[in-house]
């Protein structure tokens, strides 16, 4: 992980009004040089990951692509509130509306965990401009399926502590394998995750049937799985391939669910040239 949140290719953070709400994003790279010939990339983080915590990934992507890291509604600096719909459909519509508001003619979605489920639901509607989809260790839970392995109190307890004020050492018991820098950034930003949004998304992990969406995806798709964490098992991969036969699969053996945190070089290598250029 890089030693600065915004080194190198970071351009700016900004807000747009799209799908009826304020959406905040961080932009890396831009459209100059070789990037101008490649599709843009929208990175959609997981359930309690504000965009800023993916800054080190945005920096690397920005070297090769015009890259936008999204604050999913109810996280980071995007709009939150009791009046918002935090369901998967609304989240997917946000990403499509963001791309339209930014004027992106061609773009890929790279989603991690919850963000991968958002990408699946967005791709189902066949939005104009979407060219590729990367699913990074998505929860395969759903109606009648085994539960997502993480427990809800892990999220809620840490968020409430962060709202009161917590330091990196206090965050360590929730993320014992993380570096000091990773813990510090999570402690700084976790309070921006609206508890209502987290509860709705966690419930959605078990109520939304993303498997029914897979046969309706008509863009090239890459599934990236972690060797540790038990989010996706081999039988899950085989089921997803039956539903989406063209699905490509990459495996990062030495990483848990937070793949770029555990094996950042392996994470980039796993993309190969799927997005149009290698990330390494």
C-alpha atoms as a PDB file:
ATOM      1  CA  UNK A   1       0.000   0.000   0.000  1.00  0.00           C
ATOM      2  CA  UNK A   2       1.344   3.436  -0.882  1.00  0.00           C
ATOM      3  CA  UNK A   3       2.484   5.801   1.842  1.00  0.00           C
ATOM      4  CA  UNK A   4       0.295   8.689   0.724  1.00  0.00           C
ATOM      5  CA  UNK A   5      -3.413   8.757   0.033  1.00  0.00           C
ATOM      6  CA  UNK A   6      -3.131  10.952  -3.053  1.00  0.00           C
ATOM      7  CA  UNK A   7       0.260  10.477  -4.731  1.00  0.00           C
ATOM      8  CA  UNK A   8       1.102  10.567  -8.385  1.00  0.00           C
ATOM      9  CA  UNK A   9      -1.966  10.249 -10.547  1.00  0.00           C
ATOM     10  CA  UNK A  10      -4.598  11.721  -8.218  1.00  0.00           C
ATOM     11  CA  UNK A  11      -6.415  14.598  -9.930  1.00  0.00           C
ATOM     12  CA  UNK A  12      -9.263  15.699  -7.663  1.00  0.00           C
ATOM     13  CA  UNK A  13     -12.313  14.763  -5.654  1.00  0.00           C
ATOM     14  CA  UNK A  14     -15.694  16.011  -6.840  1.00  0.00           C
ATOM     15  CA  UNK A  15     -19.446  15.674  -6.508  1.00  0.00           C
ATOM     16  CA  UNK A  16     -22.164  15.220  -9.121  1.00  0.00           C
ATOM     17  CA  UNK A  17     -25.927  15.120  -8.827  1.00  0.00           C
ATOM     18  CA  UNK A  18     -26.886  11.792 -10.384  1.00  0.00           C
ATOM     19  CA  UNK A  19     -29.817   9.434  -9.823  1.00  0.00           C
ATOM     20  CA  UNK A  20     -31.337  12.085  -7.590  1.00  0.00           C
ATOM     21  CA  UNK A  21     -28.539  12.243  -5.018  1.00  0.00           C
ATOM     22  CA  UNK A  22     -25.107  13.764  -4.441  1.00  0.00           C
ATOM     23  CA  UNK A  23     -22.434  11.293  -5.470  1.00  0.00           C
ATOM     24  CA  UNK A  24     -18.827  11.888  -4.508  1.00  0.00           C
ATOM     25  CA  UNK A  25     -15.877  10.365  -6.327  1.00  0.00           C
ATOM     26  CA  UNK A  26     -12.093  10.581  -6.568  1.00  0.00           C
ATOM     27  CA  UNK A  27     -10.506  10.817 -10.001  1.00  0.00           C
ATOM     28  CA  UNK A  28      -7.105   9.478 -11.010  1.00  0.00           C
ATOM     29  CA  UNK A  29      -5.159   9.515 -14.241  1.00  0.00           C
ATOM     30  CA  UNK A  30      -7.239  11.550 -16.653  1.00  0.00           C
ATOM     31  CA  UNK A  31      -7.646  11.138 -20.393  1.00  0.00           C
ATOM     32  CA  UNK A  32      -4.249  12.140 -21.713  1.00  0.00           C
ATOM     33  CA  UNK A  33      -1.606   9.974 -23.382  1.00  0.00           C
ATOM     34  CA  UNK A  34      -2.299   6.256 -23.757  1.00  0.00           C
ATOM     35  CA  UNK A  35      -5.234   6.537 -21.340  1.00  0.00           C
ATOM     36  CA  UNK A  36      -7.176   8.446 -23.992  1.00  0.00           C
ATOM     37  CA  UNK A  37      -7.336   5.278 -26.107  1.00  0.00           C
ATOM     38  CA  UNK A  38      -8.594   3.075 -23.264  1.00  0.00           C
ATOM     39  CA  UNK A  39     -11.955   2.734 -21.577  1.00  0.00           C
ATOM     40  CA  UNK A  40     -12.420   4.576 -18.294  1.00  0.00           C
ATOM     41  CA  UNK A  41     -12.723   2.557 -15.080  1.00  0.00           C
ATOM     42  CA  UNK A  42     -15.223   3.061 -12.262  1.00  0.00           C
ATOM     43  CA  UNK A  43     -14.137   1.360  -9.024  1.00  0.00           C
ATOM     44  CA  UNK A  44     -16.998   0.505  -6.661  1.00  0.00           C
ATOM     45  CA  UNK A  45     -15.771  -0.405  -3.139  1.00  0.00           C
ATOM     46  CA  UNK A  46     -17.324  -2.699  -0.570  1.00  0.00           C
ATOM     47  CA  UNK A  47     -19.798  -2.309   2.255  1.00  0.00           C
ATOM     48  CA  UNK A  48     -17.704  -0.174   4.650  1.00  0.00           C
ATOM     49  CA  UNK A  49     -15.006   1.175   2.330  1.00  0.00           C
ATOM     50  CA  UNK A  50     -15.206   4.881   1.518  1.00  0.00           C
ATOM     51  CA  UNK A  51     -13.474   5.821  -1.732  1.00  0.00           C
ATOM     52  CA  UNK A  52     -10.485   7.322   0.052  1.00  0.00           C
ATOM     53  CA  UNK A  53      -9.544   3.917   1.467  1.00  0.00           C
ATOM     54  CA  UNK A  54      -9.120   2.700  -2.121  1.00  0.00           C
ATOM     55  CA  UNK A  55      -6.844   5.617  -2.972  1.00  0.00           C
ATOM     56  CA  UNK A  56      -3.760   3.421  -3.308  1.00  0.00           C
ATOM     57  CA  UNK A  57      -5.598   1.278  -5.872  1.00  0.00           C
ATOM     58  CA  UNK A  58      -6.849   4.375  -7.678  1.00  0.00           C
ATOM     59  CA  UNK A  59      -3.268   5.607  -7.897  1.00  0.00           C
ATOM     60  CA  UNK A  60      -2.118   2.433  -9.656  1.00  0.00           C
ATOM     61  CA  UNK A  61      -5.139   2.288 -11.966  1.00  0.00           C
ATOM     62  CA  UNK A  62      -4.643   5.956 -12.778  1.00  0.00           C
ATOM     63  CA  UNK A  63      -1.285   5.195 -14.362  1.00  0.00           C
ATOM     64  CA  UNK A  64      -3.093   3.277 -17.081  1.00  0.00           C
ATOM     65  CA  UNK A  65      -6.746   4.369 -17.108  1.00  0.00           C
ATOM     66  CA  UNK A  66      -8.985   7.358 -16.486  1.00  0.00           C
ATOM     67  CA  UNK A  67     -10.188   6.118 -13.102  1.00  0.00           C
ATOM     68  CA  UNK A  68     -13.082   7.093 -10.830  1.00  0.00           C
ATOM     69  CA  UNK A  69     -13.394   5.665  -7.302  1.00  0.00           C
ATOM     70  CA  UNK A  70     -16.945   6.020  -6.016  1.00  0.00           C
ATOM     71  CA  UNK A  71     -18.277   6.735  -2.556  1.00  0.00           C
ATOM     72  CA  UNK A  72     -21.320   4.436  -2.584  1.00  0.00           C
ATOM     73  CA  UNK A  73     -24.406   6.188  -1.195  1.00  0.00           C
ATOM     74  CA  UNK A  74     -24.290   6.309   2.593  1.00  0.00           C
ATOM     75  CA  UNK A  75     -20.490   6.132   2.653  1.00  0.00           C
ATOM     76  CA  UNK A  76     -17.713   8.693   2.581  1.00  0.00           C
ATOM     77  CA  UNK A  77     -18.801  12.053   1.192  1.00  0.00           C
ATOM     78  CA  UNK A  78     -21.759  10.845  -0.870  1.00  0.00           C
ATOM     79  CA  UNK A  79     -25.270  11.619   0.285  1.00  0.00           C
ATOM     80  CA  UNK A  80     -26.684   9.768   3.282  1.00  0.00           C
ATOM     81  CA  UNK A  81     -29.894  10.016   5.257  1.00  0.00           C
ATOM     82  CA  UNK A  82     -32.958   8.228   6.528  1.00  0.00           C
ATOM     83  CA  UNK A  83     -34.842   9.101   3.346  1.00  0.00           C
ATOM     84  CA  UNK A  84     -32.495   7.222   1.002  1.00  0.00           C
ATOM     85  CA  UNK A  85     -33.062   3.834  -0.564  1.00  0.00           C
ATOM     86  CA  UNK A  86     -29.984   1.752   0.245  1.00  0.00           C
ATOM     87  CA  UNK A  87     -31.062  -1.263  -1.777  1.00  0.00           C
ATOM     88  CA  UNK A  88     -28.992  -2.947  -4.469  1.00  0.00           C
ATOM     89  CA  UNK A  89     -31.144  -1.583  -7.277  1.00  0.00           C
ATOM     90  CA  UNK A  90     -30.638   2.014  -6.185  1.00  0.00           C
ATOM     91  CA  UNK A  91     -26.899   1.474  -5.779  1.00  0.00           C
ATOM     92  CA  UNK A  92     -26.642  -0.004  -9.278  1.00  0.00           C
ATOM     93  CA  UNK A  93     -28.653   2.862 -10.744  1.00  0.00           C
ATOM     94  CA  UNK A  94     -26.226   5.270  -9.042  1.00  0.00           C
ATOM     95  CA  UNK A  95     -23.235   3.848 -10.925  1.00  0.00           C
ATOM     96  CA  UNK A  96     -25.005   4.018 -14.279  1.00  0.00           C
ATOM     97  CA  UNK A  97     -26.178   7.574 -13.593  1.00  0.00           C
ATOM     98  CA  UNK A  98     -22.681   8.576 -12.468  1.00  0.00           C
ATOM     99  CA  UNK A  99     -21.197   7.375 -15.757  1.00  0.00           C
ATOM    100  CA  UNK A 100     -23.834   9.324 -17.665  1.00  0.00           C
ATOM    101  CA  UNK A 101     -23.297  12.468 -15.599  1.00  0.00           C
ATOM    102  CA  UNK A 102     -19.546  12.254 -16.206  1.00  0.00           C
ATOM    103  CA  UNK A 103     -20.084  11.797 -19.932  1.00  0.00           C
ATOM    104  CA  UNK A 104     -18.217   8.492 -20.054  1.00  0.00           C
ATOM    105  CA  UNK A 105     -18.749   6.964 -23.492  1.00  0.00           C
ATOM    106  CA  UNK A 106     -16.984   3.682 -22.672  1.00  0.00           C
ATOM    107  CA  UNK A 107     -16.191   2.389 -19.199  1.00  0.00           C
ATOM    108  CA  UNK A 108     -15.524  -0.720 -17.155  1.00  0.00           C
ATOM    109  CA  UNK A 109     -16.836  -1.389 -13.651  1.00  0.00           C
ATOM    110  CA  UNK A 110     -14.450  -2.923 -11.124  1.00  0.00           C
ATOM    111  CA  UNK A 111     -16.415  -3.829  -8.006  1.00  0.00           C
ATOM    112  CA  UNK A 112     -15.137  -5.322  -4.773  1.00  0.00           C
ATOM    113  CA  UNK A 113     -17.392  -7.393  -2.505  1.00  0.00           C
ATOM    114  CA  UNK A 114     -20.644  -5.409  -2.246  1.00  0.00           C
ATOM    115  CA  UNK A 115     -19.329  -3.317  -5.129  1.00  0.00           C
ATOM    116  CA  UNK A 116     -19.138  -6.464  -7.270  1.00  0.00           C
ATOM    117  CA  UNK A 117     -22.772  -7.227  -6.512  1.00  0.00           C
ATOM    118  CA  UNK A 118     -23.606  -3.641  -7.490  1.00  0.00           C
ATOM    119  CA  UNK A 119     -21.705  -4.191 -10.736  1.00  0.00           C
ATOM    120  CA  UNK A 120     -23.671  -7.361 -11.486  1.00  0.00           C
ATOM    121  CA  UNK A 121     -26.989  -5.614 -10.926  1.00  0.00           C
ATOM    122  CA  UNK A 122     -25.879  -2.620 -13.026  1.00  0.00           C
ATOM    123  CA  UNK A 123     -24.687  -4.832 -15.899  1.00  0.00           C
ATOM    124  CA  UNK A 124     -28.003  -6.694 -15.909  1.00  0.00           C
ATOM    125  CA  UNK A 125     -29.698  -3.602 -17.319  1.00  0.00           C
ATOM    126  CA  UNK A 126     -27.190  -3.414 -20.197  1.00  0.00           C
ATOM    127  CA  UNK A 127     -26.283   0.274 -19.762  1.00  0.00           C
ATOM    128  CA  UNK A 128     -24.931   2.105 -22.777  1.00  0.00           C
ATOM    129  CA  UNK A 129     -21.170   2.502 -22.484  1.00  0.00           C
ATOM    130  CA  UNK A 130     -20.438  -0.416 -20.168  1.00  0.00           C
ATOM    131  CA  UNK A 131     -17.734  -2.523 -21.828  1.00  0.00           C
ATOM    132  CA  UNK A 132     -16.308  -4.825 -19.132  1.00  0.00           C
ATOM    133  CA  UNK A 133     -17.084  -6.004 -15.621  1.00  0.00           C
ATOM    134  CA  UNK A 134     -14.682  -7.200 -12.917  1.00  0.00           C
ATOM    135  CA  UNK A 135     -16.113  -8.958  -9.866  1.00  0.00           C
ATOM    136  CA  UNK A 136     -13.630  -9.014  -7.009  1.00  0.00           C
ATOM    137  CA  UNK A 137     -14.626 -11.654  -4.433  1.00  0.00           C
ATOM    138  CA  UNK A 138     -18.380 -10.913  -4.423  1.00  0.00           C
ATOM    139  CA  UNK A 139     -20.526 -12.401  -1.650  1.00  0.00           C
ATOM    140  CA  UNK A 140     -22.449 -15.304  -3.181  1.00  0.00           C
ATOM    141  CA  UNK A 141     -25.023 -15.358  -0.410  1.00  0.00           C
ATOM    142  CA  UNK A 142     -28.681 -14.930  -1.264  1.00  0.00           C
ATOM    143  CA  UNK A 143     -32.109 -16.492  -0.786  1.00  0.00           C
ATOM    144  CA  UNK A 144     -31.671 -20.127   0.256  1.00  0.00           C
ATOM    145  CA  UNK A 145     -27.863 -19.900   0.145  1.00  0.00           C
ATOM    146  CA  UNK A 146     -25.200 -20.063   2.843  1.00  0.00           C
ATOM    147  CA  UNK A 147     -24.722 -16.851   4.786  1.00  0.00           C
ATOM    148  CA  UNK A 148     -21.999 -14.353   4.088  1.00  0.00           C
ATOM    149  CA  UNK A 149     -19.134 -15.329   6.432  1.00  0.00           C
ATOM    150  CA  UNK A 150     -18.658 -11.903   8.054  1.00  0.00           C
ATOM    151  CA  UNK A 151     -20.924 -11.104  10.999  1.00  0.00           C
ATOM    152  CA  UNK A 152     -22.998  -7.931  11.237  1.00  0.00           C
ATOM    153  CA  UNK A 153     -21.678  -6.885  14.694  1.00  0.00           C
ATOM    154  CA  UNK A 154     -18.161  -6.715  13.238  1.00  0.00           C
ATOM    155  CA  UNK A 155     -19.359  -3.823  11.088  1.00  0.00           C
ATOM    156  CA  UNK A 156     -21.740  -2.100  13.476  1.00  0.00           C
ATOM    157  CA  UNK A 157     -19.513  -2.231  16.563  1.00  0.00           C
ATOM    158  CA  UNK A 158     -16.550  -0.741  14.713  1.00  0.00           C
ATOM    159  CA  UNK A 159     -18.678   1.977  13.108  1.00  0.00           C
ATOM    160  CA  UNK A 160     -20.084   3.044  16.466  1.00  0.00           C
ATOM    161  CA  UNK A 161     -16.613   3.199  17.962  1.00  0.00           C
ATOM    162  CA  UNK A 162     -15.444   5.228  14.991  1.00  0.00           C
ATOM    163  CA  UNK A 163     -18.327   7.651  15.478  1.00  0.00           C
ATOM    164  CA  UNK A 164     -17.116   8.246  19.026  1.00  0.00           C
ATOM    165  CA  UNK A 165     -13.503   8.533  17.893  1.00  0.00           C
ATOM    166  CA  UNK A 166     -11.107   5.621  17.591  1.00  0.00           C
ATOM    167  CA  UNK A 167      -7.421   5.371  16.754  1.00  0.00           C
ATOM    168  CA  UNK A 168      -5.506   2.825  14.716  1.00  0.00           C
ATOM    169  CA  UNK A 169      -4.768   0.690  17.768  1.00  0.00           C
ATOM    170  CA  UNK A 170      -8.451   0.539  18.674  1.00  0.00           C
ATOM    171  CA  UNK A 171      -9.245  -0.567  15.114  1.00  0.00           C
ATOM    172  CA  UNK A 172      -6.643  -3.329  15.254  1.00  0.00           C
ATOM    173  CA  UNK A 173      -8.891  -5.830  17.020  1.00  0.00           C
ATOM    174  CA  UNK A 174     -11.275  -5.643  14.051  1.00  0.00           C
ATOM    175  CA  UNK A 175      -8.535  -5.880  11.396  1.00  0.00           C
ATOM    176  CA  UNK A 176      -5.577  -7.592  13.098  1.00  0.00           C
ATOM    177  CA  UNK A 177      -3.594  -8.278   9.917  1.00  0.00           C
ATOM    178  CA  UNK A 178      -3.713  -4.724   8.554  1.00  0.00           C
ATOM    179  CA  UNK A 179      -0.772  -2.342   8.539  1.00  0.00           C
ATOM    180  CA  UNK A 180      -0.614   0.738  10.747  1.00  0.00           C
ATOM    181  CA  UNK A 181      -1.378   2.943   7.753  1.00  0.00           C
ATOM    182  CA  UNK A 182      -4.378   0.870   6.724  1.00  0.00           C
ATOM    183  CA  UNK A 183      -5.745   0.908  10.268  1.00  0.00           C
ATOM    184  CA  UNK A 184      -5.224   4.644  10.595  1.00  0.00           C
ATOM    185  CA  UNK A 185      -7.131   5.379   7.400  1.00  0.00           C
ATOM    186  CA  UNK A 186     -10.018   3.113   8.382  1.00  0.00           C
ATOM    187  CA  UNK A 187     -10.193   4.695  11.828  1.00  0.00           C
ATOM    188  CA  UNK A 188     -10.305   8.131  10.228  1.00  0.00           C
ATOM    189  CA  UNK A 189     -13.080   7.400   7.695  1.00  0.00           C
ATOM    190  CA  UNK A 190     -15.249   4.592   9.038  1.00  0.00           C
ATOM    191  CA  UNK A 191     -17.517   7.043  10.871  1.00  0.00           C
ATOM    192  CA  UNK A 192     -18.762   8.249   7.464  1.00  0.00           C
ATOM    193  CA  UNK A 193     -20.489   4.906   6.874  1.00  0.00           C
ATOM    194  CA  UNK A 194     -24.165   5.403   7.700  1.00  0.00           C
ATOM    195  CA  UNK A 195     -25.346   2.546   9.897  1.00  0.00           C
ATOM    196  CA  UNK A 196     -28.678   2.425   8.033  1.00  0.00           C
ATOM    197  CA  UNK A 197     -26.821   1.891   4.768  1.00  0.00           C
ATOM    198  CA  UNK A 198     -24.702  -0.876   6.242  1.00  0.00           C
ATOM    199  CA  UNK A 199     -27.708  -2.691   7.703  1.00  0.00           C
ATOM    200  CA  UNK A 200     -29.579  -2.513   4.382  1.00  0.00           C
ATOM    201  CA  UNK A 201     -26.594  -3.732   2.390  1.00  0.00           C
ATOM    202  CA  UNK A 202     -25.873  -6.577   4.811  1.00  0.00           C
ATOM    203  CA  UNK A 203     -29.509  -7.670   4.649  1.00  0.00           C
ATOM    204  CA  UNK A 204     -29.270  -7.418   0.883  1.00  0.00           C
ATOM    205  CA  UNK A 205     -26.395  -9.880   0.873  1.00  0.00           C
ATOM    206  CA  UNK A 206     -28.935 -12.486   1.975  1.00  0.00           C
ATOM    207  CA  UNK A 207     -32.066 -11.215   0.208  1.00  0.00           C
ATOM    208  CA  UNK A 208     -30.874 -10.202  -3.283  1.00  0.00           C
ATOM    209  CA  UNK A 209     -30.446 -12.958  -5.863  1.00  0.00           C
ATOM    210  CA  UNK A 210     -27.443 -11.908  -7.939  1.00  0.00           C
ATOM    211  CA  UNK A 211     -27.246 -15.357  -9.527  1.00  0.00           C
ATOM    212  CA  UNK A 212     -30.467 -14.597 -11.394  1.00  0.00           C
ATOM    213  CA  UNK A 213     -28.735 -11.550 -12.878  1.00  0.00           C
ATOM    214  CA  UNK A 214     -25.709 -13.370 -14.259  1.00  0.00           C
ATOM    215  CA  UNK A 215     -27.309 -14.851 -17.415  1.00  0.00           C
ATOM    216  CA  UNK A 216     -28.411 -11.343 -18.417  1.00  0.00           C
ATOM    217  CA  UNK A 217     -24.865  -9.938 -18.513  1.00  0.00           C
ATOM    218  CA  UNK A 218     -23.619  -9.484 -22.070  1.00  0.00           C
ATOM    219  CA  UNK A 219     -20.241  -7.790 -21.549  1.00  0.00           C
ATOM    220  CA  UNK A 220     -16.942  -9.597 -20.899  1.00  0.00           C
ATOM    221  CA  UNK A 221     -16.668 -10.393 -17.186  1.00  0.00           C
ATOM    222  CA  UNK A 222     -13.803 -11.426 -14.928  1.00  0.00           C
ATOM    223  CA  UNK A 223     -14.297 -13.022 -11.516  1.00  0.00           C
ATOM    224  CA  UNK A 224     -11.406 -12.614  -9.080  1.00  0.00           C
ATOM    225  CA  UNK A 225     -11.397 -14.871  -6.030  1.00  0.00           C
ATOM    226  CA  UNK A 226      -9.337 -14.876  -2.836  1.00  0.00           C
ATOM    227  CA  UNK A 227      -7.503 -17.907  -1.546  1.00  0.00           C
ATOM    228  CA  UNK A 228      -8.528 -17.161   2.040  1.00  0.00           C
ATOM    229  CA  UNK A 229     -11.730 -15.863   3.582  1.00  0.00           C
ATOM    230  CA  UNK A 230     -14.286 -18.459   2.397  1.00  0.00           C
ATOM    231  CA  UNK A 231     -16.394 -15.907   0.506  1.00  0.00           C
ATOM    232  CA  UNK A 232     -16.275 -17.862  -2.765  1.00  0.00           C
ATOM    233  CA  UNK A 233     -15.659 -21.604  -2.959  1.00  0.00           C
ATOM    234  CA  UNK A 234     -14.834 -23.682  -6.012  1.00  0.00           C
ATOM    235  CA  UNK A 235     -18.424 -24.911  -6.288  1.00  0.00           C
ATOM    236  CA  UNK A 236     -19.562 -21.279  -6.368  1.00  0.00           C
ATOM    237  CA  UNK A 237     -17.187 -20.563  -9.232  1.00  0.00           C
ATOM    238  CA  UNK A 238     -18.532 -23.514 -11.180  1.00  0.00           C
ATOM    239  CA  UNK A 239     -22.132 -22.435 -10.622  1.00  0.00           C
ATOM    240  CA  UNK A 240     -21.368 -18.899 -11.773  1.00  0.00           C
ATOM    241  CA  UNK A 241     -19.661 -20.259 -14.889  1.00  0.00           C
ATOM    242  CA  UNK A 242     -22.755 -22.280 -15.734  1.00  0.00           C
ATOM    243  CA  UNK A 243     -24.884 -19.161 -15.440  1.00  0.00           C
ATOM    244  CA  UNK A 244     -22.387 -17.000 -17.342  1.00  0.00           C
ATOM    245  CA  UNK A 245     -20.343 -19.376 -19.538  1.00  0.00           C
ATOM    246  CA  UNK A 246     -18.001 -16.689 -20.855  1.00  0.00           C
ATOM    247  CA  UNK A 247     -16.946 -15.736 -17.306  1.00  0.00           C
ATOM    248  CA  UNK A 248     -13.174 -15.567 -16.872  1.00  0.00           C
ATOM    249  CA  UNK A 249     -11.706 -16.474 -13.477  1.00  0.00           C
ATOM    250  CA  UNK A 250      -8.523 -15.332 -11.726  1.00  0.00           C
ATOM    251  CA  UNK A 251      -7.387 -16.522  -8.294  1.00  0.00           C
ATOM    252  CA  UNK A 252      -5.190 -14.690  -5.778  1.00  0.00           C
ATOM    253  CA  UNK A 253      -4.054 -17.515  -3.527  1.00  0.00           C
ATOM    254  CA  UNK A 254      -2.249 -15.536  -0.832  1.00  0.00           C
ATOM    255  CA  UNK A 255      -4.995 -13.026  -0.096  1.00  0.00           C
ATOM    256  CA  UNK A 256      -8.095 -12.857   2.029  1.00  0.00           C
ATOM    257  CA  UNK A 257     -11.292 -11.043   1.080  1.00  0.00           C
ATOM    258  CA  UNK A 258      -9.580  -7.633   1.080  1.00  0.00           C
ATOM    259  CA  UNK A 259      -7.369  -8.768  -1.788  1.00  0.00           C
ATOM    260  CA  UNK A 260      -5.396  -5.572  -2.552  1.00  0.00           C
ATOM    261  CA  UNK A 261      -4.720  -5.076   1.166  1.00  0.00           C
ATOM    262  CA  UNK A 262      -3.292  -8.580   1.508  1.00  0.00           C
ATOM    263  CA  UNK A 263      -1.489  -9.007  -1.820  1.00  0.00           C
ATOM    264  CA  UNK A 264      -1.451  -5.789  -3.797  1.00  0.00           C
ATOM    265  CA  UNK A 265       0.940  -7.017  -6.552  1.00  0.00           C
ATOM    266  CA  UNK A 266      -1.074 -10.233  -6.895  1.00  0.00           C
ATOM    267  CA  UNK A 267      -4.269  -8.202  -7.190  1.00  0.00           C
ATOM    268  CA  UNK A 268      -2.921  -6.208 -10.127  1.00  0.00           C
ATOM    269  CA  UNK A 269      -1.447  -9.273 -11.820  1.00  0.00           C
ATOM    270  CA  UNK A 270      -4.790 -11.047 -11.652  1.00  0.00           C
ATOM    271  CA  UNK A 271      -6.299  -8.543 -14.091  1.00  0.00           C
ATOM    272  CA  UNK A 272      -3.848  -9.466 -16.825  1.00  0.00           C
ATOM    273  CA  UNK A 273      -4.766  -7.259 -19.779  1.00  0.00           C
ATOM    274  CA  UNK A 274      -8.509  -7.779 -19.306  1.00  0.00           C
ATOM    275  CA  UNK A 275      -9.148  -4.033 -19.052  1.00  0.00           C
ATOM    276  CA  UNK A 276      -7.102  -3.259 -22.150  1.00  0.00           C
ATOM    277  CA  UNK A 277      -3.710  -2.793 -20.528  1.00  0.00           C
ATOM    278  CA  UNK A 278      -1.774  -4.567 -17.788  1.00  0.00           C
ATOM    279  CA  UNK A 279      -1.739  -2.928 -14.360  1.00  0.00           C
ATOM    280  CA  UNK A 280       1.801  -4.074 -13.538  1.00  0.00           C
END
